[in-house]
Amino acid sequence: MVGSDSAVVGLVIHLLISQVVGVTYAVFFRRRSFDAASVIGWGVSYGFLWWIPGNLTLLPLLLGAAPQWSAAALAVSFPSLVSHLAYGAVLGPVYQRLEERVGPWHLTRSEATAARVAARHEQTLSAAPALCSLTTCVALLIPILVS
């Protein structure tokens, strides 16, 4: 991508991209970190979301090729899917820890804010496990569908 064959340059580029993904996670999931199950669910789902445009679309385009939306390309990039899911499963709890340390947003100033936080808490806890389950099922079905 940058005209170098060095493994160190490739690692640096990969770390920069993962940093961008982590920052976008922090922007999109700010104040949605209630418990370990919800943050792992959101993180795994976000890792899956980035695998689709990352490995199958953006990476081939950045390397000067066409997007790879074939069964063979899916099968080849399956190990990358596992690593994206693992990245998301770690990203969620790490971000939750950072968010709690920097700004304990769950300490509210008014009853209206407390009501909003409680409603968001219930909504997030109900959606995250379902989204995580759906993502896991899709991730497990990909090898079966492409074989």
Protein backbone atom coordinates (compact mmCIF):
# COMPACT_ATOMS: atom_id res chain seq x y z
CA MET A 1 0.00 0.00 0.00
CA VAL A 2 2.77 2.43 0.81
CA GLY A 3 5.42 1.06 -1.53
CA SER A 4 7.42 -0.91 1.00
CA ASP A 5 8.01 -4.63 1.40
CA SER A 6 9.15 -4.31 5.02
CA ALA A 7 7.27 -6.24 7.67
CA VAL A 8 7.83 -3.40 10.15
CA VAL A 9 6.15 -0.89 7.83
CA GLY A 10 3.25 -3.33 7.35
CA LEU A 11 2.90 -3.69 11.12
CA VAL A 12 2.91 0.09 11.61
CA ILE A 13 0.24 0.56 8.92
CA HIS A 14 -1.86 -2.22 10.48
CA LEU A 15 -1.56 -0.63 13.93
CA LEU A 16 -2.57 2.77 12.54
CA ILE A 17 -5.65 1.26 10.90
CA SER A 18 -6.59 -0.57 14.09
CA GLN A 19 -6.22 2.70 15.97
CA VAL A 20 -8.66 4.39 13.58
CA VAL A 21 -11.11 1.51 14.08
CA GLY A 22 -10.76 1.82 17.86
CA VAL A 23 -11.37 5.56 17.79
CA THR A 24 -14.48 5.15 15.64
CA TYR A 25 -15.71 2.53 18.11
CA ALA A 26 -15.25 5.06 20.91
CA VAL A 27 -17.21 7.67 18.94
CA PHE A 28 -20.10 5.36 18.07
CA PHE A 29 -20.39 3.49 21.38
CA ARG A 30 -19.73 6.31 23.83
CA ARG A 31 -21.76 5.82 27.00
CA ARG A 32 -23.02 2.41 25.96
CA SER A 33 -20.63 0.48 28.22
CA PHE A 34 -22.79 -0.92 30.99
CA ASP A 35 -21.49 -4.41 31.67
CA ALA A 36 -19.11 -7.01 30.26
CA ALA A 37 -21.75 -8.81 28.18
CA SER A 38 -22.90 -5.67 26.40
CA VAL A 39 -19.41 -4.34 25.65
CA ILE A 40 -18.23 -7.70 24.32
CA GLY A 41 -21.38 -7.90 22.19
CA TRP A 42 -20.88 -4.43 20.76
CA GLY A 43 -17.16 -5.05 20.23
CA VAL A 44 -17.61 -8.39 18.44
CA SER A 45 -20.30 -6.89 16.24
CA TYR A 46 -18.10 -3.92 15.41
CA GLY A 47 -15.18 -6.23 14.57
CA PHE A 48 -17.44 -8.16 12.21
CA LEU A 49 -18.68 -4.92 10.69
CA TRP A 50 -15.12 -3.85 9.90
CA TRP A 51 -14.16 -7.24 8.47
CA ILE A 52 -16.67 -6.89 5.65
CA PRO A 53 -15.48 -3.57 4.21
CA GLY A 54 -11.91 -4.08 5.38
CA ASN A 55 -10.86 -7.47 4.03
CA LEU A 56 -13.32 -7.90 1.22
CA THR A 57 -13.57 -4.39 -0.18
CA LEU A 58 -11.08 -1.77 1.08
CA LEU A 59 -7.93 -3.90 1.25
CA PRO A 60 -8.21 -5.14 -2.35
CA LEU A 61 -9.02 -1.60 -3.54
CA LEU A 62 -6.03 -0.14 -1.71
CA LEU A 63 -3.81 -2.81 -3.24
CA GLY A 64 -5.07 -1.92 -6.72
CA ALA A 65 -7.39 -4.88 -7.28
CA ALA A 66 -11.15 -5.28 -7.49
CA PRO A 67 -13.22 -6.09 -4.39
CA GLN A 68 -13.09 -9.80 -3.58
CA TRP A 69 -16.69 -10.95 -3.10
CA SER A 70 -16.37 -14.61 -4.03
CA ALA A 71 -16.64 -17.85 -2.10
CA ALA A 72 -12.91 -18.44 -2.52
CA ALA A 73 -12.06 -14.98 -1.16
CA LEU A 74 -14.38 -15.51 1.80
CA ALA A 75 -12.74 -18.84 2.58
CA VAL A 76 -9.25 -17.35 2.35
CA SER A 77 -10.14 -14.41 4.59
CA PHE A 78 -11.87 -16.49 7.29
CA PRO A 79 -8.82 -16.42 9.62
CA SER A 80 -8.96 -12.65 9.39
CA LEU A 81 -12.61 -12.77 10.47
CA VAL A 82 -11.60 -14.65 13.60
CA SER A 83 -8.96 -12.03 14.38
CA HIS A 84 -11.44 -9.17 13.78
CA LEU A 85 -13.92 -10.81 16.17
CA ALA A 86 -11.18 -11.26 18.78
CA TYR A 87 -10.09 -7.63 18.30
CA GLY A 88 -13.66 -6.48 18.90
CA ALA A 89 -14.04 -8.74 21.94
CA VAL A 90 -10.98 -7.07 23.48
CA LEU A 91 -11.77 -3.55 22.23
CA GLY A 92 -15.13 -3.38 24.01
CA PRO A 93 -13.91 -4.14 27.56
CA VAL A 94 -10.77 -2.03 27.14
CA TYR A 95 -12.84 0.95 26.04
CA GLN A 96 -15.27 0.38 28.91
CA ARG A 97 -12.39 0.44 31.37
CA LEU A 98 -10.98 3.64 29.86
CA GLU A 99 -14.38 5.28 29.83
CA GLU A 100 -15.01 4.44 33.48
CA ARG A 101 -11.56 5.66 34.50
CA VAL A 102 -11.64 8.95 32.65
CA GLY A 103 -15.22 10.03 33.17
CA PRO A 104 -17.64 8.16 35.39
CA TRP A 105 -20.62 9.23 33.28
CA HIS A 106 -22.98 7.04 35.27
CA LEU A 107 -22.84 9.61 38.07
CA THR A 108 -25.68 11.88 37.07
CA ARG A 109 -26.56 15.45 37.98
CA SER A 110 -30.33 15.42 37.70
CA GLU A 111 -33.30 13.10 37.77
CA ALA A 112 -33.95 13.64 34.04
CA THR A 113 -30.40 12.61 33.22
CA ALA A 114 -30.74 9.61 35.52
CA ALA A 115 -33.92 8.57 33.70
CA ARG A 116 -32.21 8.87 30.30
CA VAL A 117 -29.24 6.82 31.51
CA ALA A 118 -31.55 4.12 32.91
CA ALA A 119 -33.50 3.94 29.63
CA ARG A 120 -30.27 3.73 27.60
CA HIS A 121 -29.01 1.05 29.98
CA GLU A 122 -32.09 -1.12 29.42
CA GLN A 123 -31.98 -0.58 25.66
CA THR A 124 -28.30 -1.45 25.40
CA LEU A 125 -28.59 -4.55 27.56
CA SER A 126 -31.44 -5.85 25.45
CA ALA A 127 -29.80 -5.25 22.06
CA ALA A 128 -26.19 -6.23 22.69
CA PRO A 129 -26.67 -9.95 23.43
CA ALA A 130 -28.96 -10.37 20.44
CA LEU A 131 -26.53 -8.58 18.14
CA CYS A 132 -23.61 -10.60 19.48
CA SER A 133 -25.52 -13.84 18.95
CA LEU A 134 -26.44 -12.88 15.41
CA THR A 135 -22.86 -11.93 14.61
CA THR A 136 -21.54 -15.19 16.03
CA CYS A 137 -24.05 -17.23 14.03
CA VAL A 138 -23.17 -15.43 10.81
CA ALA A 139 -19.45 -15.83 11.50
CA LEU A 140 -19.90 -19.56 12.10
CA LEU A 141 -22.05 -20.00 9.01
CA ILE A 142 -19.56 -18.38 6.61
CA PRO A 143 -17.25 -21.45 6.36
CA ILE A 144 -20.26 -23.70 5.84
CA LEU A 145 -21.71 -21.49 3.12
CA VAL A 146 -18.46 -21.11 1.19
CA SER A 147 -17.49 -24.78 1.31
